[in-house]
Amino acid sequence: MSRHERKYTLPGYLAGDLAARLRPAGWRRAHPPRYVNSLYFDGVERPRYLENVEGLGWRNKIRIRWYGDFWGQIDTPVLEVKLKAGHAGSKRRWSVPAFDLDKRTPRQALRRLPSAVEAGTDELRRLDVVLATRYRRRYYTSRSLRLRLTVDDKVAYLRPPGPRGFTSIWRRDYDCVIELKYDVDHEPEAHLMAQRLGLRLTRNSKFAKGLESTRF
């Protein structure tokens, strides 16, 4: 199902101010906070990155996502293809076989992961791993239950491994990313809520920022 997603960026030092405004505005915790990890994939000429920075109306991102620890045995990874058309978005998901990830994992081992899903295609087999991301996500829902809001902080980016594994260090991003998510019919309520919380619409892609900060 397609839904609207609006992104807002706050400097990290203002995150506490936002948290203080959520409860009076009727928001409540919807899920315990957790760490979100992703491996992003793109073609040789980075078409998905270019679609993103050029702001094309139709674009997609391909990633493998899991929760909890970044390193170790990844038991329940999921391949996600995220489709965007303007501010509307949808996702397709497939389970990925479990794999081990440590600093010695070579790039080639990660490149094979997308083609291991049941819906593996020639396109997935041609992808390269281009970025790793990790951040803490907090989840909220509005009093009406029609709006959802997530707050991402402790964002970090890691360059993908080479033939002998990961050799770079995590790059920190000190901004918070807020996403307001809702069905198209609830656009007026979402607009009013964003105004009440003092949020200003921005373009913010962890995928693009991560690639740029790790000097892809």
C-alpha atoms as a PDB file:
ATOM      1  CA  MET A   1       0.000   0.000   0.000  1.00  0.00           C
ATOM      2  CA  SER A   2       1.287   3.478  -0.900  1.00  0.00           C
ATOM      3  CA  ARG A   3       1.686   6.006   1.883  1.00  0.00           C
ATOM      4  CA  HIS A   4       2.983   9.533   2.236  1.00  0.00           C
ATOM      5  CA  GLU A   5       6.320  10.113   3.937  1.00  0.00           C
ATOM      6  CA  ARG A   6       7.500  13.587   4.896  1.00  0.00           C
ATOM      7  CA  LYS A   7      11.056  14.043   6.145  1.00  0.00           C
ATOM      8  CA  TYR A   8      12.370  16.714   8.483  1.00  0.00           C
ATOM      9  CA  THR A   9      15.875  17.294   9.804  1.00  0.00           C
ATOM     10  CA  LEU A  10      16.854  18.651  13.200  1.00  0.00           C
ATOM     11  CA  PRO A  11      20.305  19.278  14.646  1.00  0.00           C
ATOM     12  CA  GLY A  12      20.942  16.619  17.267  1.00  0.00           C
ATOM     13  CA  TYR A  13      20.989  19.124  20.120  1.00  0.00           C
ATOM     14  CA  LEU A  14      17.325  19.992  19.394  1.00  0.00           C
ATOM     15  CA  ALA A  15      16.086  16.405  19.646  1.00  0.00           C
ATOM     16  CA  GLY A  16      15.241  16.868  23.323  1.00  0.00           C
ATOM     17  CA  ASP A  17      13.045  19.860  22.483  1.00  0.00           C
ATOM     18  CA  LEU A  18      11.107  17.774  19.985  1.00  0.00           C
ATOM     19  CA  ALA A  19      10.609  14.971  22.516  1.00  0.00           C
ATOM     20  CA  ALA A  20       9.210  17.504  24.986  1.00  0.00           C
ATOM     21  CA  ARG A  21       6.630  18.665  22.403  1.00  0.00           C
ATOM     22  CA  LEU A  22       5.403  15.207  21.402  1.00  0.00           C
ATOM     23  CA  ARG A  23       3.492  14.246  24.559  1.00  0.00           C
ATOM     24  CA  PRO A  24       1.491  17.517  24.873  1.00  0.00           C
ATOM     25  CA  ALA A  25       0.617  17.153  21.181  1.00  0.00           C
ATOM     26  CA  GLY A  26      -0.923  13.733  21.870  1.00  0.00           C
ATOM     27  CA  TRP A  27       1.878  11.431  20.636  1.00  0.00           C
ATOM     28  CA  ARG A  28       2.750   8.200  22.426  1.00  0.00           C
ATOM     29  CA  ARG A  29       5.424   5.529  22.069  1.00  0.00           C
ATOM     30  CA  ALA A  30       4.351   2.850  19.599  1.00  0.00           C
ATOM     31  CA  HIS A  31       7.358   0.519  19.818  1.00  0.00           C
ATOM     32  CA  PRO A  32      10.519   0.244  21.951  1.00  0.00           C
ATOM     33  CA  PRO A  33      13.526   2.031  20.403  1.00  0.00           C
ATOM     34  CA  ARG A  34      15.833  -0.185  18.383  1.00  0.00           C
ATOM     35  CA  TYR A  35      18.866   0.034  16.125  1.00  0.00           C
ATOM     36  CA  VAL A  36      18.281  -0.259  12.385  1.00  0.00           C
ATOM     37  CA  ASN A  37      21.058  -1.592  10.121  1.00  0.00           C
ATOM     38  CA  SER A  38      21.137  -1.532   6.326  1.00  0.00           C
ATOM     39  CA  LEU A  39      23.350  -2.523   3.426  1.00  0.00           C
ATOM     40  CA  TYR A  40      22.556  -0.452   0.333  1.00  0.00           C
ATOM     41  CA  PHE A  41      23.065  -1.693  -3.212  1.00  0.00           C
ATOM     42  CA  ASP A  42      23.386   0.136  -6.516  1.00  0.00           C
ATOM     43  CA  GLY A  43      24.535  -0.377 -10.083  1.00  0.00           C
ATOM     44  CA  VAL A  44      28.036   0.254 -11.373  1.00  0.00           C
ATOM     45  CA  GLU A  45      27.232   3.803 -12.500  1.00  0.00           C
ATOM     46  CA  ARG A  46      25.222   4.519  -9.316  1.00  0.00           C
ATOM     47  CA  PRO A  47      21.866   5.187 -11.024  1.00  0.00           C
ATOM     48  CA  ARG A  48      19.893   5.119  -7.762  1.00  0.00           C
ATOM     49  CA  TYR A  49      22.177   7.662  -6.154  1.00  0.00           C
ATOM     50  CA  LEU A  50      21.832   9.953  -9.188  1.00  0.00           C
ATOM     51  CA  GLU A  51      18.036   9.584  -9.164  1.00  0.00           C
ATOM     52  CA  ASN A  52      18.053  10.648  -5.538  1.00  0.00           C
ATOM     53  CA  VAL A  53      20.275  13.716  -5.772  1.00  0.00           C
ATOM     54  CA  GLU A  54      18.480  14.876  -8.929  1.00  0.00           C
ATOM     55  CA  GLY A  55      15.144  14.588  -7.148  1.00  0.00           C
ATOM     56  CA  LEU A  56      13.461  12.512  -9.845  1.00  0.00           C
ATOM     57  CA  GLY A  57       9.758  11.908  -9.275  1.00  0.00           C
ATOM     58  CA  TRP A  58      10.093   8.121  -9.652  1.00  0.00           C
ATOM     59  CA  ARG A  59      13.031   6.427  -7.952  1.00  0.00           C
ATOM     60  CA  ASN A  60      13.891   3.363  -5.922  1.00  0.00           C
ATOM     61  CA  LYS A  61      16.410   2.154  -3.374  1.00  0.00           C
ATOM     62  CA  ILE A  62      17.505  -1.417  -2.724  1.00  0.00           C
ATOM     63  CA  ARG A  63      18.774  -2.476   0.684  1.00  0.00           C
ATOM     64  CA  ILE A  64      19.074  -5.382   3.071  1.00  0.00           C
ATOM     65  CA  ARG A  65      17.832  -4.431   6.538  1.00  0.00           C
ATOM     66  CA  TRP A  66      17.963  -5.983  10.009  1.00  0.00           C
ATOM     67  CA  TYR A  67      17.627  -4.852  13.625  1.00  0.00           C
ATOM     68  CA  GLY A  68      19.844  -5.029  16.702  1.00  0.00           C
ATOM     69  CA  ASP A  69      23.590  -5.612  16.496  1.00  0.00           C
ATOM     70  CA  PHE A  70      25.401  -4.759  13.288  1.00  0.00           C
ATOM     71  CA  TRP A  71      28.111  -7.422  13.605  1.00  0.00           C
ATOM     72  CA  GLY A  72      27.561 -11.121  14.184  1.00  0.00           C
ATOM     73  CA  GLN A  73      25.056 -13.637  12.868  1.00  0.00           C
ATOM     74  CA  ILE A  74      22.244 -11.877  11.029  1.00  0.00           C
ATOM     75  CA  ASP A  75      19.301 -14.228  11.477  1.00  0.00           C
ATOM     76  CA  THR A  76      16.368 -12.369   9.899  1.00  0.00           C
ATOM     77  CA  PRO A  77      17.630 -10.022   7.174  1.00  0.00           C
ATOM     78  CA  VAL A  78      15.108  -8.664   4.690  1.00  0.00           C
ATOM     79  CA  LEU A  79      15.660  -7.339   1.184  1.00  0.00           C
ATOM     80  CA  GLU A  80      13.624  -4.172   0.649  1.00  0.00           C
ATOM     81  CA  VAL A  81      12.952  -2.379  -2.614  1.00  0.00           C
ATOM     82  CA  LYS A  82      11.666   1.059  -1.643  1.00  0.00           C
ATOM     83  CA  LEU A  83       9.720   2.835  -4.378  1.00  0.00           C
ATOM     84  CA  LYS A  84       9.090   6.590  -4.267  1.00  0.00           C
ATOM     85  CA  ALA A  85       6.843   8.777  -6.399  1.00  0.00           C
ATOM     86  CA  GLY A  86       7.030  12.311  -5.055  1.00  0.00           C
ATOM     87  CA  HIS A  87       6.185  12.076  -1.350  1.00  0.00           C
ATOM     88  CA  ALA A  88       4.313   8.777  -1.755  1.00  0.00           C
ATOM     89  CA  GLY A  89       6.178   5.560  -1.150  1.00  0.00           C
ATOM     90  CA  SER A  90       5.761   1.811  -0.958  1.00  0.00           C
ATOM     91  CA  LYS A  91       7.988  -1.170  -0.197  1.00  0.00           C
ATOM     92  CA  ARG A  92       8.413  -4.714  -1.440  1.00  0.00           C
ATOM     93  CA  ARG A  93      10.117  -7.175   0.898  1.00  0.00           C
ATOM     94  CA  TRP A  94      11.715 -10.622   0.637  1.00  0.00           C
ATOM     95  CA  SER A  95      13.446 -12.744   3.265  1.00  0.00           C
ATOM     96  CA  VAL A  96      17.204 -13.179   2.825  1.00  0.00           C
ATOM     97  CA  PRO A  97      19.055 -16.287   4.053  1.00  0.00           C
ATOM     98  CA  ALA A  98      20.885 -15.727   7.348  1.00  0.00           C
ATOM     99  CA  PHE A  99      24.526 -14.703   7.063  1.00  0.00           C
ATOM    100  CA  ASP A 100      27.499 -13.829   9.256  1.00  0.00           C
ATOM    101  CA  LEU A 101      28.961 -10.338   9.195  1.00  0.00           C
ATOM    102  CA  ASP A 102      32.281  -9.318  10.692  1.00  0.00           C
ATOM    103  CA  LYS A 103      35.128  -6.984   9.773  1.00  0.00           C
ATOM    104  CA  ARG A 104      36.752  -9.698   7.665  1.00  0.00           C
ATOM    105  CA  THR A 105      33.676 -10.274   5.475  1.00  0.00           C
ATOM    106  CA  PRO A 106      34.748  -9.609   1.857  1.00  0.00           C
ATOM    107  CA  ARG A 107      32.783  -7.439  -0.537  1.00  0.00           C
ATOM    108  CA  GLN A 108      32.040 -10.335  -2.859  1.00  0.00           C
ATOM    109  CA  ALA A 109      30.154 -12.200  -0.118  1.00  0.00           C
ATOM    110  CA  LEU A 110      27.829  -9.224   0.387  1.00  0.00           C
ATOM    111  CA  ARG A 111      27.329  -8.664  -3.340  1.00  0.00           C
ATOM    112  CA  ARG A 112      25.810 -12.140  -3.603  1.00  0.00           C
ATOM    113  CA  LEU A 113      23.125 -11.507  -0.970  1.00  0.00           C
ATOM    114  CA  PRO A 114      20.404  -9.817  -3.115  1.00  0.00           C
ATOM    115  CA  SER A 115      20.428 -12.618  -5.690  1.00  0.00           C
ATOM    116  CA  ALA A 116      19.860 -15.203  -2.925  1.00  0.00           C
ATOM    117  CA  VAL A 117      16.230 -14.164  -2.404  1.00  0.00           C
ATOM    118  CA  GLU A 118      13.389 -16.173  -3.893  1.00  0.00           C
ATOM    119  CA  ALA A 119      12.604 -13.368  -6.357  1.00  0.00           C
ATOM    120  CA  GLY A 120      16.232 -13.075  -7.487  1.00  0.00           C
ATOM    121  CA  THR A 121      16.577 -11.490 -10.930  1.00  0.00           C
ATOM    122  CA  ASP A 122      19.370 -10.591 -13.318  1.00  0.00           C
ATOM    123  CA  GLU A 123      19.154  -7.005 -12.059  1.00  0.00           C
ATOM    124  CA  LEU A 124      19.745  -8.095  -8.459  1.00  0.00           C
ATOM    125  CA  ARG A 125      22.702 -10.214  -9.526  1.00  0.00           C
ATOM    126  CA  ARG A 126      24.342  -7.172 -11.121  1.00  0.00           C
ATOM    127  CA  LEU A 127      24.163  -4.990  -8.001  1.00  0.00           C
ATOM    128  CA  ASP A 128      27.125  -3.938  -5.886  1.00  0.00           C
ATOM    129  CA  VAL A 129      27.086  -3.131  -2.163  1.00  0.00           C
ATOM    130  CA  VAL A 130      27.853   0.587  -1.824  1.00  0.00           C
ATOM    131  CA  LEU A 131      27.097   1.607   1.775  1.00  0.00           C
ATOM    132  CA  ALA A 132      26.316   0.407   5.295  1.00  0.00           C
ATOM    133  CA  THR A 133      24.198   2.476   7.684  1.00  0.00           C
ATOM    134  CA  ARG A 134      23.199   2.211  11.331  1.00  0.00           C
ATOM    135  CA  TYR A 135      21.000   4.407  13.533  1.00  0.00           C
ATOM    136  CA  ARG A 136      18.668   4.352  16.531  1.00  0.00           C
ATOM    137  CA  ARG A 137      14.964   4.682  15.717  1.00  0.00           C
ATOM    138  CA  ARG A 138      12.182   5.736  18.072  1.00  0.00           C
ATOM    139  CA  TYR A 139       8.547   5.153  17.115  1.00  0.00           C
ATOM    140  CA  TYR A 140       5.463   7.256  17.926  1.00  0.00           C
ATOM    141  CA  THR A 141       1.801   7.271  16.962  1.00  0.00           C
ATOM    142  CA  SER A 142      -0.675  10.143  17.145  1.00  0.00           C
ATOM    143  CA  ARG A 143      -3.718  10.211  19.393  1.00  0.00           C
ATOM    144  CA  SER A 144      -5.921   9.639  16.338  1.00  0.00           C
ATOM    145  CA  LEU A 145      -3.764   6.634  15.301  1.00  0.00           C
ATOM    146  CA  ARG A 146      -3.791   8.035  11.761  1.00  0.00           C
ATOM    147  CA  LEU A 147      -0.249   9.433  11.857  1.00  0.00           C
ATOM    148  CA  ARG A 148       3.038   7.735  12.633  1.00  0.00           C
ATOM    149  CA  LEU A 149       6.303   9.446  13.402  1.00  0.00           C
ATOM    150  CA  THR A 150       9.834   8.104  13.722  1.00  0.00           C
ATOM    151  CA  VAL A 151      12.914   9.854  15.091  1.00  0.00           C
ATOM    152  CA  ASP A 152      16.316   8.599  13.931  1.00  0.00           C
ATOM    153  CA  ASP A 153      19.501   9.616  15.738  1.00  0.00           C
ATOM    154  CA  LYS A 154      22.983   8.214  16.358  1.00  0.00           C
ATOM    155  CA  VAL A 155      23.237   7.908  12.562  1.00  0.00           C
ATOM    156  CA  ALA A 156      26.484   6.441  11.200  1.00  0.00           C
ATOM    157  CA  TYR A 157      27.764   5.430   7.772  1.00  0.00           C
ATOM    158  CA  LEU A 158      30.379   2.853   6.818  1.00  0.00           C
ATOM    159  CA  ARG A 159      32.157   2.345   3.517  1.00  0.00           C
ATOM    160  CA  PRO A 160      31.616  -1.190   2.116  1.00  0.00           C
ATOM    161  CA  PRO A 161      34.400  -3.735   2.503  1.00  0.00           C
ATOM    162  CA  GLY A 162      37.139  -4.544   0.029  1.00  0.00           C
ATOM    163  CA  PRO A 163      38.416  -8.005  -0.891  1.00  0.00           C
ATOM    164  CA  ARG A 164      39.779  -8.488   2.645  1.00  0.00           C
ATOM    165  CA  GLY A 165      36.941  -6.958   4.601  1.00  0.00           C
ATOM    166  CA  PHE A 166      36.054  -3.641   6.226  1.00  0.00           C
ATOM    167  CA  THR A 167      38.998  -1.265   6.606  1.00  0.00           C
ATOM    168  CA  SER A 168      37.285   2.114   7.153  1.00  0.00           C
ATOM    169  CA  ILE A 169      35.681   3.621  10.268  1.00  0.00           C
ATOM    170  CA  TRP A 170      32.112   4.715  10.922  1.00  0.00           C
ATOM    171  CA  ARG A 171      31.263   8.287   9.924  1.00  0.00           C
ATOM    172  CA  ARG A 172      28.874   9.994  12.355  1.00  0.00           C
ATOM    173  CA  ASP A 173      25.953  12.170  11.283  1.00  0.00           C
ATOM    174  CA  TYR A 174      24.873  14.395  14.173  1.00  0.00           C
ATOM    175  CA  ASP A 175      21.502  15.394  12.705  1.00  0.00           C
ATOM    176  CA  CYS A 176      18.207  13.745  13.634  1.00  0.00           C
ATOM    177  CA  VAL A 177      15.863  12.648  10.879  1.00  0.00           C
ATOM    178  CA  ILE A 178      12.129  12.795  11.572  1.00  0.00           C
ATOM    179  CA  GLU A 179       9.691  10.998   9.280  1.00  0.00           C
ATOM    180  CA  LEU A 180       5.953  11.651   9.372  1.00  0.00           C
ATOM    181  CA  LYS A 181       4.007   8.812   7.725  1.00  0.00           C
ATOM    182  CA  TYR A 182       0.315   8.694   6.865  1.00  0.00           C
ATOM    183  CA  ASP A 183      -2.243   7.659   4.254  1.00  0.00           C
ATOM    184  CA  VAL A 184      -3.012  10.171   1.531  1.00  0.00           C
ATOM    185  CA  ASP A 185      -6.464  10.931   2.987  1.00  0.00           C
ATOM    186  CA  HIS A 186      -4.894  12.305   6.170  1.00  0.00           C
ATOM    187  CA  GLU A 187      -2.766  14.987   4.517  1.00  0.00           C
ATOM    188  CA  PRO A 188      -4.536  17.953   6.252  1.00  0.00           C
ATOM    189  CA  GLU A 189      -4.081  16.417   9.707  1.00  0.00           C
ATOM    190  CA  ALA A 190      -0.410  15.691   8.984  1.00  0.00           C
ATOM    191  CA  HIS A 191       0.200  19.252   7.772  1.00  0.00           C
ATOM    192  CA  LEU A 192      -1.344  20.759  10.907  1.00  0.00           C
ATOM    193  CA  MET A 193       0.606  18.407  13.159  1.00  0.00           C
ATOM    194  CA  ALA A 194       3.916  19.288  11.473  1.00  0.00           C
ATOM    195  CA  GLN A 195       3.150  22.972  12.075  1.00  0.00           C
ATOM    196  CA  ARG A 196       2.281  22.312  15.713  1.00  0.00           C
ATOM    197  CA  LEU A 197       5.568  20.488  16.254  1.00  0.00           C
ATOM    198  CA  GLY A 198       7.535  23.232  14.479  1.00  0.00           C
ATOM    199  CA  LEU A 199       8.834  20.914  11.748  1.00  0.00           C
ATOM    200  CA  ARG A 200      10.090  22.253   8.442  1.00  0.00           C
ATOM    201  CA  LEU A 201      10.099  20.003   5.394  1.00  0.00           C
ATOM    202  CA  THR A 202      13.563  19.075   4.090  1.00  0.00           C
ATOM    203  CA  ARG A 203      15.159  16.630   1.701  1.00  0.00           C
ATOM    204  CA  ASN A 204      17.182  14.104   3.621  1.00  0.00           C
ATOM    205  CA  SER A 205      18.382  10.764   2.300  1.00  0.00           C
ATOM    206  CA  LYS A 206      20.672   8.668   4.471  1.00  0.00           C
ATOM    207  CA  PHE A 207      21.564   6.785   1.298  1.00  0.00           C
ATOM    208  CA  ALA A 208      22.824   9.916  -0.500  1.00  0.00           C
ATOM    209  CA  LYS A 209      24.416  11.511   2.566  1.00  0.00           C
ATOM    210  CA  GLY A 210      26.141   8.275   3.461  1.00  0.00           C
ATOM    211  CA  LEU A 211      27.632   7.815   0.010  1.00  0.00           C
ATOM    212  CA  GLU A 212      28.869  11.393  -0.004  1.00  0.00           C
ATOM    213  CA  SER A 213      30.321  11.267   3.512  1.00  0.00           C
ATOM    214  CA  THR A 214      32.201   8.030   2.828  1.00  0.00           C
ATOM    215  CA  ARG A 215      33.536   9.450  -0.468  1.00  0.00           C
ATOM    216  CA  PHE A 216      32.156   6.740  -2.709  1.00  0.00           C
END
